[in-house]
Protein backbone atom coordinates (compact mmCIF):
# COMPACT_ATOMS: atom_id res chain seq x y z
CA MET A 1 30.14 -20.10 11.40
CA LYS A 2 32.52 -20.57 8.48
CA LEU A 3 29.90 -22.71 6.73
CA LEU A 4 27.27 -19.99 7.15
CA PHE A 5 29.54 -17.33 5.67
CA ARG A 6 30.41 -19.59 2.73
CA THR A 7 26.76 -20.36 2.08
CA LEU A 8 25.73 -16.70 2.08
CA SER A 9 28.68 -15.76 -0.12
CA PHE A 10 27.71 -18.49 -2.57
CA VAL A 11 24.10 -17.27 -2.76
CA PHE A 12 25.26 -13.70 -3.36
CA LEU A 13 27.69 -14.70 -6.13
CA THR A 14 25.12 -16.99 -7.72
CA GLN A 15 22.58 -14.18 -7.91
CA CYS A 16 25.13 -11.82 -9.43
CA ILE A 17 26.26 -14.35 -12.04
CA TYR A 18 22.66 -15.26 -12.89
CA ALA A 19 21.83 -11.64 -13.76
CA GLN A 20 25.17 -10.69 -15.26
CA ASP A 21 24.19 -10.77 -18.95
CA ALA A 22 20.89 -8.89 -18.76
CA LYS A 23 21.55 -6.86 -15.62
CA ILE A 24 20.21 -3.29 -15.51
CA VAL A 25 21.61 -1.09 -12.73
CA TYR A 26 20.13 2.30 -11.79
CA PRO A 27 22.60 4.55 -9.92
CA HIS A 28 21.43 6.94 -7.19
CA GLN A 29 22.94 9.50 -4.84
CA VAL A 30 21.53 9.08 -1.33
CA PHE A 31 21.57 10.62 2.13
CA TRP A 32 20.79 8.49 5.19
CA HIS A 33 20.28 9.54 8.77
CA LYS A 34 19.68 7.42 11.88
CA THR A 35 19.09 8.42 15.50
CA GLU A 36 19.08 5.64 18.08
CA ILE A 37 18.49 5.99 21.84
CA ASN A 38 18.73 3.22 24.43
CA GLU A 39 18.16 3.05 28.17
CA PHE A 40 18.92 0.13 30.51
CA PHE A 41 17.19 -0.34 33.85
CA ASN A 42 19.68 -2.90 35.17
CA GLU A 43 22.48 -5.08 33.82
CA ASN A 44 20.07 -7.12 31.68
CA TRP A 45 16.88 -5.32 30.62
CA GLY A 46 16.43 -2.16 28.61
CA VAL A 47 14.37 -0.39 25.96
CA GLY A 48 15.21 1.78 22.99
CA ALA A 49 13.96 3.38 19.81
CA ASP A 50 15.41 4.41 16.47
CA PHE A 51 14.35 6.95 13.86
CA VAL A 52 15.52 6.76 10.24
CA TYR A 53 15.26 9.35 7.47
CA ARG A 54 16.60 8.84 3.93
CA SER A 55 16.53 10.97 0.81
CA LYS A 56 17.71 10.57 -2.79
CA ASN A 57 18.13 12.26 -6.14
CA GLU A 58 16.04 11.34 -9.19
CA LEU A 59 17.20 9.87 -12.51
CA ASN A 60 20.73 10.14 -11.07
CA SER A 61 20.58 13.93 -11.37
CA GLY A 62 20.64 16.60 -8.70
CA SER A 63 21.32 16.48 -4.99
CA MET A 64 21.08 13.51 -2.63
CA PHE A 65 18.63 15.64 -0.61
CA ASP A 66 16.16 16.24 -3.47
CA SER A 67 13.35 13.82 -2.64
CA HIS A 68 12.14 11.59 0.17
CA LEU A 69 13.20 7.93 0.20
CA ARG A 70 12.20 6.50 3.60
CA THR A 71 11.08 7.48 7.07
CA SER A 72 10.79 4.89 9.82
CA ILE A 73 10.50 4.49 13.58
CA ARG A 74 10.99 1.35 15.64
CA PRO A 75 10.74 0.62 19.37
CA TRP A 76 13.11 -1.97 20.87
CA ILE A 77 13.19 -4.28 23.87
CA ASN A 78 16.74 -5.30 24.79
CA TYR A 79 18.06 -8.18 26.87
CA GLN A 80 21.77 -8.21 27.69
CA PHE A 81 23.03 -11.80 28.11
CA SER A 82 26.54 -10.69 29.00
CA LYS A 83 28.92 -7.81 28.33
CA ASN A 84 29.47 -9.32 24.88
CA ALA A 85 25.98 -10.36 23.72
CA ARG A 86 22.55 -8.81 23.36
CA LEU A 87 19.14 -9.90 22.06
CA SER A 88 16.83 -7.15 20.77
CA ILE A 89 13.21 -7.34 19.63
CA SER A 90 11.22 -4.66 17.84
CA PRO A 91 7.58 -5.74 18.27
CA LEU A 92 6.22 -3.46 15.57
CA GLY A 93 8.07 -0.88 13.49
CA TYR A 94 6.59 1.51 10.91
CA MET A 95 8.15 2.51 7.57
CA TYR A 96 6.96 4.90 4.86
CA THR A 97 8.79 4.61 1.54
CA ASN A 98 8.97 6.51 -1.74
CA GLU A 99 10.91 4.21 -4.04
CA TYR A 100 13.96 5.07 -6.14
CA ILE A 101 13.47 7.00 -9.38
CA GLY A 102 15.80 5.33 -11.86
CA LYS A 103 13.70 5.67 -15.02
CA GLU A 104 10.70 7.73 -16.17
CA GLU A 105 8.25 4.92 -15.41
CA ASP A 106 9.23 5.09 -11.73
CA TYR A 107 7.30 8.32 -11.28
CA SER A 108 4.12 6.23 -11.36
CA ARG A 109 5.26 4.04 -8.44
CA GLU A 110 3.08 4.71 -5.43
CA PRO A 111 4.61 5.30 -1.97
CA TYR A 112 3.77 2.57 0.51
CA HIS A 113 3.57 1.78 4.22
CA GLU A 114 5.28 -1.17 5.83
CA LEU A 115 4.92 -2.80 9.23
CA ARG A 116 7.86 -4.82 10.50
CA THR A 117 8.64 -7.10 13.44
CA THR A 118 12.37 -7.59 13.99
CA PHE A 119 14.45 -10.04 16.00
CA GLN A 120 18.18 -9.48 16.24
CA PHE A 121 21.11 -10.95 18.13
CA PHE A 122 24.57 -9.43 18.14
CA HIS A 123 27.81 -10.11 19.93
CA HIS A 124 31.34 -8.79 19.79
CA HIS A 125 34.94 -9.64 20.46
CA LYS A 126 37.60 -7.16 21.59
CA HIS A 127 41.34 -7.65 21.29
CA GLU A 128 43.28 -7.54 24.53
CA ASN A 129 44.76 -4.14 23.72
CA GLY A 130 41.25 -2.77 23.03
CA LYS A 131 42.19 -1.20 19.69
CA TRP A 132 40.15 -3.62 17.57
CA MET A 133 36.49 -4.54 18.07
CA HIS A 134 34.61 -7.13 15.99
CA THR A 135 30.80 -7.24 15.96
CA TRP A 136 28.49 -9.79 14.33
CA ARG A 137 24.78 -9.10 13.97
CA TYR A 138 22.06 -11.57 12.90
CA ARG A 139 18.66 -10.07 12.11
CA TYR A 140 15.36 -11.74 11.13
CA GLU A 141 12.46 -9.56 9.95
CA LEU A 142 8.75 -10.21 9.44
CA ARG A 143 7.51 -7.68 6.90
CA TRP A 144 4.01 -6.57 5.82
CA GLN A 145 4.17 -4.24 2.79
CA GLU A 146 1.20 -2.24 1.54
CA GLN A 147 0.24 -3.03 -2.06
CA ALA A 148 -0.60 -0.25 -4.53
CA ASN A 149 -4.33 0.29 -5.14
CA SER A 150 -5.22 -2.50 -2.74
CA ASP A 151 -6.11 -3.05 0.90
CA ASP A 152 -3.93 -6.17 0.97
CA TYR A 153 -0.44 -6.40 2.43
CA ARG A 154 2.33 -8.53 0.96
CA PHE A 155 4.03 -10.68 3.59
CA LEU A 156 7.65 -11.78 3.38
CA THR A 157 10.57 -12.33 5.69
CA ARG A 158 14.22 -11.36 5.45
CA PHE A 159 17.42 -12.58 7.04
CA ARG A 160 20.34 -10.15 7.39
CA LEU A 161 23.91 -10.88 8.43
CA ARG A 162 26.37 -8.08 9.18
CA TYR A 163 30.01 -7.99 10.22
CA ARG A 164 31.57 -4.78 11.57
CA LEU A 165 35.17 -3.94 12.46
CA ARG A 166 36.02 -0.90 14.60
CA TYR A 167 39.47 0.55 15.33
CA MET A 168 40.04 2.94 18.24
CA ILE A 169 42.28 5.76 17.01
CA ASN A 170 43.11 7.71 20.15
CA SER A 171 42.33 5.27 22.97
CA ASN A 172 42.21 1.59 23.88
CA ASP A 173 38.56 1.56 24.95
CA PHE A 174 35.49 2.08 22.76
CA TYR A 175 33.53 3.29 25.81
CA GLU A 176 36.03 5.91 26.95
CA ASN A 177 34.84 9.50 26.54
CA ASN A 178 36.29 11.50 23.61
CA THR A 179 37.27 8.31 21.78
CA LEU A 180 37.70 8.69 18.03
CA TYR A 181 37.27 5.50 16.04
CA ALA A 182 37.08 4.20 12.47
CA ALA A 183 34.69 1.50 11.30
CA VAL A 184 33.91 -0.64 8.27
CA SER A 185 31.02 -3.08 7.90
CA ASN A 186 29.31 -5.22 5.31
CA GLU A 187 25.82 -6.72 5.42
CA ILE A 188 23.96 -9.11 3.14
CA GLY A 189 20.16 -9.50 3.11
CA LEU A 190 18.18 -12.49 1.82
CA ASN A 191 14.42 -12.50 1.19
CA ILE A 192 12.50 -15.58 2.33
CA GLY A 193 8.92 -16.74 1.73
CA LYS A 194 6.43 -17.91 -0.89
CA ASN A 195 5.95 -14.33 -2.14
CA VAL A 196 9.63 -14.10 -3.05
CA THR A 197 10.35 -14.93 -6.70
CA TYR A 198 13.55 -13.78 -8.39
CA ASN A 199 14.79 -11.54 -5.60
CA THR A 200 16.04 -14.01 -2.98
CA PHE A 201 19.14 -11.85 -2.85
CA ASN A 202 17.77 -8.60 -1.42
CA GLN A 203 20.76 -6.32 -0.97
CA ASN A 204 24.34 -5.78 0.09
CA ARG A 205 25.32 -2.80 2.28
CA LEU A 206 28.85 -1.51 2.74
CA TYR A 207 29.69 1.21 5.29
CA VAL A 208 33.02 2.98 5.86
CA GLY A 209 33.28 5.83 8.34
CA ILE A 210 34.52 7.46 11.51
CA GLY A 211 32.85 8.06 14.87
CA TYR A 212 33.39 10.12 17.99
CA ARG A 213 32.16 9.50 21.54
CA PHE A 214 31.15 12.49 23.68
CA LEU A 215 29.14 13.11 26.86
CA ASN A 216 30.32 9.62 27.86
CA ALA A 217 27.37 7.72 26.36
CA ALA A 218 26.66 9.56 23.06
CA ARG A 219 28.27 9.00 19.68
CA LEU A 220 28.26 10.71 16.29
CA GLU A 221 29.21 8.77 13.16
CA VAL A 222 29.82 9.93 9.59
CA ARG A 223 29.83 7.17 6.99
CA TYR A 224 30.06 6.51 3.29
CA VAL A 225 27.24 4.12 2.37
CA ASP A 226 27.14 1.86 -0.69
CA ARG A 227 23.99 -0.26 -1.13
CA PHE A 228 23.33 -2.62 -4.05
CA ARG A 229 19.70 -3.82 -4.01
CA THR A 230 17.47 -6.03 -6.14
CA ARG A 231 14.58 -4.03 -7.61
CA GLY A 232 11.15 -5.67 -7.31
CA SER A 233 10.80 -9.18 -8.69
CA THR A 234 12.10 -8.84 -12.24
CA GLY A 235 15.37 -10.55 -11.45
CA ILE A 236 17.40 -8.30 -13.75
CA GLU A 237 16.98 -4.74 -12.36
CA PHE A 238 19.01 -3.34 -9.46
CA ASP A 239 19.32 -0.05 -7.58
CA HIS A 240 22.80 1.11 -6.59
CA GLY A 241 22.72 3.87 -3.99
CA LYS A 242 25.89 5.65 -2.86
CA GLY A 243 26.26 8.61 -0.56
CA LEU A 244 26.49 10.02 2.94
CA MET A 245 25.12 8.73 6.23
CA ILE A 246 25.11 10.56 9.57
CA GLY A 247 24.24 8.62 12.69
CA PHE A 248 23.59 9.84 16.23
CA TYR A 249 23.54 7.25 19.01
CA ILE A 250 22.95 7.31 22.75
CA ASP A 251 24.08 3.98 24.17
CA GLN A 252 22.54 4.65 27.58
CA LEU A 253 20.42 7.74 28.18
CA SER A 254 21.03 7.86 31.94
CA GLY A 255 24.79 7.71 31.33
CA LEU A 256 25.02 11.13 29.65
CA TRP A 257 27.39 13.55 31.44
CA LYS A 258 28.16 10.85 34.04
CA PRO A 259 31.69 9.43 33.81
CA HIS A 260 31.98 5.72 34.60
CA GLU A 261 28.20 5.38 35.06
CA GLN A 262 27.37 3.81 31.71
CA GLY A 263 26.12 0.62 33.32
CA VAL A 264 25.83 -1.51 30.19
CA ARG A 265 28.99 -1.02 28.18
CA TYR A 266 27.98 -2.62 24.92
CA ALA A 267 26.61 -1.13 21.71
CA ASP A 268 25.73 -2.43 18.26
């Protein structure tokens, strides 16, 4: 595990150093929203879905709500290995994207559709007192992106590694109703495939926020998001989005309003 972290850190630093002299960064104000709902039928098997909406300003002027950035929906199949580990597969997700507007030429960029198959595995570790909760997530994506003025789709894959730390503020159990918690996470993404040129380093995402559990199995999170992303395949242009994210999560739909009946007590 230490070797993996060192390798990914090295790749990230190498990419940053490579582009340092000629680097062009376009700043953006962004708003992200995510709703995720899961339901488990027994201790092992379950299904879920998530919906994502994102907006942005243009030319770094105006409100983070000014124009559309992305809308997506993904179904999930979940398998719970244990109370500390879960494998999830999204057979086919759909994304519709209007890219960032960082310069005047960006107004000519066409919106595009993307189809995505996702495999992810995540596990966590809780301290004995329950105040601290560590979560590691490994995600591998197969991506088919629509090409402008063409019927062809560009195929590439991406590997993402995220670490998240949660701290329970008013309780010793993340799953206890009315728990208030703080969280910070960082994720790195690497593009893979023959269609990848200069942008092996895809992006880095940093989240800092607070969350609140209510109705036993529902959570609301408010986060500050900071994403630094390679733009296209030039190797020298980057988009830097900063702003607000609001997330709504139902860890187990049948557990709403039912104390102590959240059968699978584990959430990403």
